[in-house]
Amino acid sequence: MTPSDLNSFFATSAGVAGALVGLLFVAISVSGDRLSHHVDARAYRLRASGTLTAFTNALAVSLFAILPGEKVGYTTVSVSVVGLMFVAASAISLVRAHAVKWRYRRDAVFLATLTAAFAFQLGFGLAIIAKPHDTNAVDNVAILVIVFFLIGIARTWELIGGPAFGLAHEIRGLAGHGEKKEEDEAAFGSEDDAAAP
C-alpha cells in the first residue's frame, strides 16, 4: 500500500513521465534519419527503446501507486520483469550484430545499469507483496522512479545528438585525437552522415 505522504510524489511523477514520453517521441522524430540511415542504427534503436522502457516503467509504477488498494507491489514486479526481458533481448541483439566492441561500451554500461535497476525494483516489489505495509520498500521504489527518469533523460540527450562532455571523454581526447574523433562520430554521426539527404 502506498503511504499517504508518497501519493503526491507518485501523482507528480506520473505527470512528469507522461511529458517525458511525449518529448521522447519528438526526439525520435527529430533524429529519425539517424535511426534509419546511420551505420549504428541498431545502437540508436536500442537507446531509443531503452529510454522508452525506462520512462514507461516510471509511468506505470506511478499511475498504479496512486490507485486505491495494494497494487504497487504487483505493478513493480511486472514492469521489472518486462524490463529484464528487454535487457536480455537487447544484449542478444548486440551479440547477433557482432556489436560487442569497445566503441559500444556506453550501450553495455547502459544495459548493465538498467539490469541493476530492474533487479532492485524486482526485489522491492516482492518485498512489498510479502509485506504490503512495508513503507521502506515503497520509498525505495519511489527512489527508483527517479533513477529511471535520470537514465531516460541522459539517453534522450544522446539520441538527439547532444554534446558529450565529461572529464573522462576529454582526457581520452587529449590522449588520442583519433579515438576522440571516432567517439564523436559514434555519438553525433560523421560528416558524411550529416551531409546525407
C-alpha atoms as a PDB file:
ATOM      1  CA  MET A   1       0.000   0.000   0.000  1.00  0.00           C
ATOM      2  CA  THR A   2       1.287   3.447  -0.906  1.00  0.00           C
ATOM      3  CA  PRO A   3       1.979   5.661   2.123  1.00  0.00           C
ATOM      4  CA  SER A   4      -0.118   8.819   2.088  1.00  0.00           C
ATOM      5  CA  ASP A   5       2.965  11.023   2.091  1.00  0.00           C
ATOM      6  CA  LEU A   6       4.052   9.493  -1.237  1.00  0.00           C
ATOM      7  CA  ASN A   7       0.740   9.953  -3.055  1.00  0.00           C
ATOM      8  CA  SER A   8       1.631  13.465  -4.192  1.00  0.00           C
ATOM      9  CA  PHE A   9       5.081  12.279  -5.312  1.00  0.00           C
ATOM     10  CA  PHE A  10       3.650   9.497  -7.478  1.00  0.00           C
ATOM     11  CA  ALA A  11       0.950  11.804  -8.875  1.00  0.00           C
ATOM     12  CA  THR A  12       3.620  14.327  -9.847  1.00  0.00           C
ATOM     13  CA  SER A  13       5.952  11.677 -11.256  1.00  0.00           C
ATOM     14  CA  ALA A  14       3.103  10.265 -13.378  1.00  0.00           C
ATOM     15  CA  GLY A  15       2.680  13.698 -14.965  1.00  0.00           C
ATOM     16  CA  VAL A  16       6.435  14.054 -15.465  1.00  0.00           C
ATOM     17  CA  ALA A  17       6.679  10.580 -17.013  1.00  0.00           C
ATOM     18  CA  GLY A  18       3.830  11.322 -19.417  1.00  0.00           C
ATOM     19  CA  ALA A  19       5.509  14.554 -20.512  1.00  0.00           C
ATOM     20  CA  LEU A  20       8.884  12.840 -20.941  1.00  0.00           C
ATOM     21  CA  VAL A  21       7.358  10.065 -23.067  1.00  0.00           C
ATOM     22  CA  GLY A  22       5.881  12.752 -25.320  1.00  0.00           C
ATOM     23  CA  LEU A  23       9.218  14.541 -25.560  1.00  0.00           C
ATOM     24  CA  LEU A  24      10.928  11.242 -26.342  1.00  0.00           C
ATOM     25  CA  PHE A  25       8.649  10.761 -29.354  1.00  0.00           C
ATOM     26  CA  VAL A  26       9.570  14.262 -30.505  1.00  0.00           C
ATOM     27  CA  ALA A  27      13.278  13.473 -30.039  1.00  0.00           C
ATOM     28  CA  ILE A  28      12.932  10.250 -32.024  1.00  0.00           C
ATOM     29  CA  SER A  29      11.119  12.035 -34.842  1.00  0.00           C
ATOM     30  CA  VAL A  30      13.840  14.709 -34.932  1.00  0.00           C
ATOM     31  CA  SER A  31      16.600  12.093 -35.104  1.00  0.00           C
ATOM     32  CA  GLY A  32      14.650   9.744 -37.373  1.00  0.00           C
ATOM     33  CA  ASP A  33      17.294   9.887 -40.119  1.00  0.00           C
ATOM     34  CA  ARG A  34      19.971   8.717 -37.688  1.00  0.00           C
ATOM     35  CA  LEU A  35      17.763   5.845 -36.564  1.00  0.00           C
ATOM     36  CA  SER A  36      17.291   4.597 -40.129  1.00  0.00           C
ATOM     37  CA  HIS A  37      20.416   5.557 -42.113  1.00  0.00           C
ATOM     38  CA  HIS A  38      23.338   5.678 -39.703  1.00  0.00           C
ATOM     39  CA  VAL A  39      25.795   2.810 -39.595  1.00  0.00           C
ATOM     40  CA  ASP A  40      24.980   2.396 -35.888  1.00  0.00           C
ATOM     41  CA  ALA A  41      21.216   2.303 -36.445  1.00  0.00           C
ATOM     42  CA  ARG A  42      20.876  -0.783 -34.240  1.00  0.00           C
ATOM     43  CA  ALA A  43      22.575   1.004 -31.340  1.00  0.00           C
ATOM     44  CA  TYR A  44      20.344   4.051 -31.771  1.00  0.00           C
ATOM     45  CA  ARG A  45      17.230   1.869 -31.817  1.00  0.00           C
ATOM     46  CA  LEU A  46      18.461   0.139 -28.667  1.00  0.00           C
ATOM     47  CA  ARG A  47      18.946   3.512 -26.953  1.00  0.00           C
ATOM     48  CA  ALA A  48      15.506   4.723 -28.032  1.00  0.00           C
ATOM     49  CA  SER A  49      13.811   1.513 -26.879  1.00  0.00           C
ATOM     50  CA  GLY A  50      15.710   1.526 -23.591  1.00  0.00           C
ATOM     51  CA  THR A  51      14.739   5.119 -22.930  1.00  0.00           C
ATOM     52  CA  LEU A  52      11.085   4.377 -23.666  1.00  0.00           C
ATOM     53  CA  THR A  53      11.278   1.348 -21.349  1.00  0.00           C
ATOM     54  CA  ALA A  54      12.690   3.477 -18.518  1.00  0.00           C
ATOM     55  CA  PHE A  55      10.031   6.185 -18.920  1.00  0.00           C
ATOM     56  CA  THR A  56       7.094   3.778 -19.250  1.00  0.00           C
ATOM     57  CA  ASN A  57       8.380   1.861 -16.227  1.00  0.00           C
ATOM     58  CA  ALA A  58       8.264   5.048 -14.138  1.00  0.00           C
ATOM     59  CA  LEU A  59       4.867   5.966 -15.618  1.00  0.00           C
ATOM     60  CA  ALA A  60       3.268   2.575 -14.878  1.00  0.00           C
ATOM     61  CA  VAL A  61       4.580   2.406 -11.316  1.00  0.00           C
ATOM     62  CA  SER A  62       3.490   5.978 -10.597  1.00  0.00           C
ATOM     63  CA  LEU A  63      -0.023   5.538 -12.003  1.00  0.00           C
ATOM     64  CA  PHE A  64      -0.704   2.277 -10.186  1.00  0.00           C
ATOM     65  CA  ALA A  65       0.795   3.623  -6.957  1.00  0.00           C
ATOM     66  CA  ILE A  66      -1.841   6.367  -6.739  1.00  0.00           C
ATOM     67  CA  LEU A  67      -4.737   3.961  -7.286  1.00  0.00           C
ATOM     68  CA  PRO A  68      -6.533   2.803  -4.132  1.00  0.00           C
ATOM     69  CA  GLY A  69      -5.584  -0.633  -2.842  1.00  0.00           C
ATOM     70  CA  GLU A  70      -2.408  -2.678  -2.816  1.00  0.00           C
ATOM     71  CA  LYS A  71      -1.347  -2.516  -6.462  1.00  0.00           C
ATOM     72  CA  VAL A  72       2.136  -1.007  -6.333  1.00  0.00           C
ATOM     73  CA  GLY A  73       3.892  -4.281  -5.439  1.00  0.00           C
ATOM     74  CA  TYR A  74       2.432  -6.311  -8.291  1.00  0.00           C
ATOM     75  CA  THR A  75       2.948  -3.466 -10.752  1.00  0.00           C
ATOM     76  CA  THR A  76       6.566  -3.071  -9.683  1.00  0.00           C
ATOM     77  CA  VAL A  77       7.236  -6.784 -10.136  1.00  0.00           C
ATOM     78  CA  SER A  78       5.511  -6.820 -13.538  1.00  0.00           C
ATOM     79  CA  VAL A  79       7.381  -3.851 -15.011  1.00  0.00           C
ATOM     80  CA  SER A  80      10.718  -5.051 -13.635  1.00  0.00           C
ATOM     81  CA  VAL A  81      10.253  -8.462 -15.291  1.00  0.00           C
ATOM     82  CA  VAL A  82       9.360  -6.745 -18.588  1.00  0.00           C
ATOM     83  CA  GLY A  83      12.451  -4.559 -18.176  1.00  0.00           C
ATOM     84  CA  LEU A  84      14.723  -7.533 -17.570  1.00  0.00           C
ATOM     85  CA  MET A  85      13.280  -9.208 -20.673  1.00  0.00           C
ATOM     86  CA  PHE A  86      14.076  -6.040 -22.654  1.00  0.00           C
ATOM     87  CA  VAL A  87      17.675  -6.066 -21.392  1.00  0.00           C
ATOM     88  CA  ALA A  88      18.080  -9.727 -22.333  1.00  0.00           C
ATOM     89  CA  ALA A  89      16.678  -9.118 -25.827  1.00  0.00           C
ATOM     90  CA  SER A  90      18.918  -6.068 -26.301  1.00  0.00           C
ATOM     91  CA  ALA A  91      22.029  -7.958 -25.229  1.00  0.00           C
ATOM     92  CA  ILE A  92      21.211 -10.788 -27.631  1.00  0.00           C
ATOM     93  CA  SER A  93      20.641  -8.247 -30.411  1.00  0.00           C
ATOM     94  CA  LEU A  94      24.064  -6.682 -29.869  1.00  0.00           C
ATOM     95  CA  VAL A  95      25.746 -10.086 -29.818  1.00  0.00           C
ATOM     96  CA  ARG A  96      23.956 -11.151 -33.015  1.00  0.00           C
ATOM     97  CA  ALA A  97      25.082  -7.936 -34.700  1.00  0.00           C
ATOM     98  CA  HIS A  98      28.670  -8.582 -33.583  1.00  0.00           C
ATOM     99  CA  ALA A  99      28.449  -5.179 -31.903  1.00  0.00           C
ATOM    100  CA  VAL A 100      30.356  -6.233 -28.793  1.00  0.00           C
ATOM    101  CA  LYS A 101      33.215  -3.807 -29.400  1.00  0.00           C
ATOM    102  CA  TRP A 102      34.957  -1.161 -27.346  1.00  0.00           C
ATOM    103  CA  ARG A 103      33.015   1.655 -29.046  1.00  0.00           C
ATOM    104  CA  TYR A 104      29.751   0.136 -27.784  1.00  0.00           C
ATOM    105  CA  ARG A 105      30.824   0.258 -24.148  1.00  0.00           C
ATOM    106  CA  ARG A 106      28.267   3.007 -23.420  1.00  0.00           C
ATOM    107  CA  ASP A 107      25.478   0.711 -24.571  1.00  0.00           C
ATOM    108  CA  ALA A 108      26.892  -2.112 -22.456  1.00  0.00           C
ATOM    109  CA  VAL A 109      27.075   0.188 -19.422  1.00  0.00           C
ATOM    110  CA  PHE A 110      23.529   1.364 -20.167  1.00  0.00           C
ATOM    111  CA  LEU A 111      22.243  -2.224 -20.237  1.00  0.00           C
ATOM    112  CA  ALA A 112      24.168  -3.103 -17.068  1.00  0.00           C
ATOM    113  CA  THR A 113      22.690  -0.058 -15.302  1.00  0.00           C
ATOM    114  CA  LEU A 114      19.187  -0.995 -16.425  1.00  0.00           C
ATOM    115  CA  THR A 115      19.752  -4.581 -15.283  1.00  0.00           C
ATOM    116  CA  ALA A 116      20.763  -3.424 -11.805  1.00  0.00           C
ATOM    117  CA  ALA A 117      17.832  -1.010 -11.567  1.00  0.00           C
ATOM    118  CA  PHE A 118      15.315  -3.644 -12.705  1.00  0.00           C
ATOM    119  CA  ALA A 119      16.792  -6.236 -10.333  1.00  0.00           C
ATOM    120  CA  PHE A 120      16.489  -3.873  -7.359  1.00  0.00           C
ATOM    121  CA  GLN A 121      12.979  -2.980  -8.466  1.00  0.00           C
ATOM    122  CA  LEU A 122      12.018  -6.652  -8.627  1.00  0.00           C
ATOM    123  CA  GLY A 123      13.347  -7.215  -5.114  1.00  0.00           C
ATOM    124  CA  PHE A 124      11.479  -4.225  -3.712  1.00  0.00           C
ATOM    125  CA  GLY A 125       8.299  -5.272  -5.496  1.00  0.00           C
ATOM    126  CA  LEU A 126       8.479  -8.754  -3.997  1.00  0.00           C
ATOM    127  CA  ALA A 127       9.118  -7.211  -0.565  1.00  0.00           C
ATOM    128  CA  ILE A 128       6.003  -5.052  -0.934  1.00  0.00           C
ATOM    129  CA  ILE A 129       3.905  -8.089  -1.916  1.00  0.00           C
ATOM    130  CA  ALA A 130       5.237 -10.057   1.067  1.00  0.00           C
ATOM    131  CA  LYS A 131       4.713  -7.119   3.475  1.00  0.00           C
ATOM    132  CA  PRO A 132       2.149  -4.702   1.992  1.00  0.00           C
ATOM    133  CA  HIS A 133       2.590  -2.192   4.815  1.00  0.00           C
ATOM    134  CA  ASP A 134       6.394  -2.030   4.465  1.00  0.00           C
ATOM    135  CA  THR A 135       6.821   1.670   3.723  1.00  0.00           C
ATOM    136  CA  ASN A 136      10.604   1.352   3.307  1.00  0.00           C
ATOM    137  CA  ALA A 137      10.195  -0.807   0.192  1.00  0.00           C
ATOM    138  CA  VAL A 138       7.740   1.705  -1.304  1.00  0.00           C
ATOM    139  CA  ASP A 139      10.200   4.513  -0.534  1.00  0.00           C
ATOM    140  CA  ASN A 140      12.871   2.585  -2.430  1.00  0.00           C
ATOM    141  CA  VAL A 141      10.520   2.100  -5.386  1.00  0.00           C
ATOM    142  CA  ALA A 142       9.965   5.872  -5.414  1.00  0.00           C
ATOM    143  CA  ILE A 143      13.731   6.419  -5.499  1.00  0.00           C
ATOM    144  CA  LEU A 144      13.995   4.002  -8.436  1.00  0.00           C
ATOM    145  CA  VAL A 145      11.343   6.020 -10.288  1.00  0.00           C
ATOM    146  CA  ILE A 146      13.700   8.999 -10.035  1.00  0.00           C
ATOM    147  CA  VAL A 147      16.607   6.804 -11.199  1.00  0.00           C
ATOM    148  CA  PHE A 148      14.620   5.732 -14.280  1.00  0.00           C
ATOM    149  CA  PHE A 149      13.879   9.376 -15.045  1.00  0.00           C
ATOM    150  CA  LEU A 150      17.575  10.245 -14.886  1.00  0.00           C
ATOM    151  CA  ILE A 151      18.565   7.258 -17.049  1.00  0.00           C
ATOM    152  CA  GLY A 152      15.933   8.136 -19.624  1.00  0.00           C
ATOM    153  CA  ILE A 153      16.863  11.819 -19.743  1.00  0.00           C
ATOM    154  CA  ALA A 154      20.558  11.017 -20.224  1.00  0.00           C
ATOM    155  CA  ARG A 155      19.799   8.627 -23.080  1.00  0.00           C
ATOM    156  CA  THR A 156      17.398  11.084 -24.719  1.00  0.00           C
ATOM    157  CA  TRP A 157      20.217  13.649 -24.718  1.00  0.00           C
ATOM    158  CA  GLU A 158      22.369  11.155 -26.623  1.00  0.00           C
ATOM    159  CA  LEU A 159      19.540  10.354 -29.043  1.00  0.00           C
ATOM    160  CA  ILE A 160      19.176  13.968 -30.132  1.00  0.00           C
ATOM    161  CA  GLY A 161      22.940  14.259 -30.547  1.00  0.00           C
ATOM    162  CA  GLY A 162      23.617  16.452 -27.548  1.00  0.00           C
ATOM    163  CA  PRO A 163      27.292  17.156 -26.892  1.00  0.00           C
ATOM    164  CA  ALA A 164      29.053  14.531 -24.776  1.00  0.00           C
ATOM    165  CA  PHE A 165      31.207  16.461 -22.353  1.00  0.00           C
ATOM    166  CA  GLY A 166      32.854  14.795 -19.403  1.00  0.00           C
ATOM    167  CA  LEU A 167      36.215  14.557 -17.737  1.00  0.00           C
ATOM    168  CA  ALA A 168      36.967  11.034 -18.980  1.00  0.00           C
ATOM    169  CA  HIS A 169      35.797  11.921 -22.501  1.00  0.00           C
ATOM    170  CA  GLU A 170      38.056  14.974 -22.691  1.00  0.00           C
ATOM    171  CA  ILE A 171      41.106  13.189 -21.224  1.00  0.00           C
ATOM    172  CA  ARG A 172      40.731  10.461 -23.844  1.00  0.00           C
ATOM    173  CA  GLY A 173      40.535  13.214 -26.440  1.00  0.00           C
ATOM    174  CA  LEU A 174      43.852  14.618 -25.237  1.00  0.00           C
ATOM    175  CA  ALA A 175      45.469  11.197 -25.236  1.00  0.00           C
ATOM    176  CA  GLY A 176      44.487  10.248 -28.784  1.00  0.00           C
ATOM    177  CA  HIS A 177      42.702  12.528 -31.219  1.00  0.00           C
ATOM    178  CA  GLY A 178      41.805   9.594 -33.464  1.00  0.00           C
ATOM    179  CA  GLU A 179      39.895   7.863 -30.693  1.00  0.00           C
ATOM    180  CA  LYS A 180      38.081  11.069 -29.811  1.00  0.00           C
ATOM    181  CA  LYS A 181      37.041  11.583 -33.449  1.00  0.00           C
ATOM    182  CA  GLU A 182      35.736   8.012 -33.620  1.00  0.00           C
ATOM    183  CA  GLU A 183      33.774   8.506 -30.400  1.00  0.00           C
ATOM    184  CA  ASP A 184      32.385  11.823 -31.607  1.00  0.00           C
ATOM    185  CA  GLU A 185      31.236  10.201 -34.828  1.00  0.00           C
ATOM    186  CA  ALA A 186      29.587   7.425 -32.813  1.00  0.00           C
ATOM    187  CA  ALA A 187      27.848   9.998 -30.653  1.00  0.00           C
ATOM    188  CA  PHE A 188      26.894  12.562 -33.305  1.00  0.00           C
ATOM    189  CA  GLY A 189      27.361  10.877 -36.665  1.00  0.00           C
ATOM    190  CA  SER A 190      30.119  11.517 -39.173  1.00  0.00           C
ATOM    191  CA  GLU A 191      30.274  14.471 -41.547  1.00  0.00           C
ATOM    192  CA  ASP A 192      29.157  12.156 -44.335  1.00  0.00           C
ATOM    193  CA  ASP A 193      26.060  11.233 -42.334  1.00  0.00           C
ATOM    194  CA  ALA A 194      25.281  14.884 -41.757  1.00  0.00           C
ATOM    195  CA  ALA A 195      25.563  15.593 -45.494  1.00  0.00           C
ATOM    196  CA  ALA A 196      23.328  12.656 -46.432  1.00  0.00           C
ATOM    197  CA  PRO A 197      19.777  13.664 -47.542  1.00  0.00           C
END
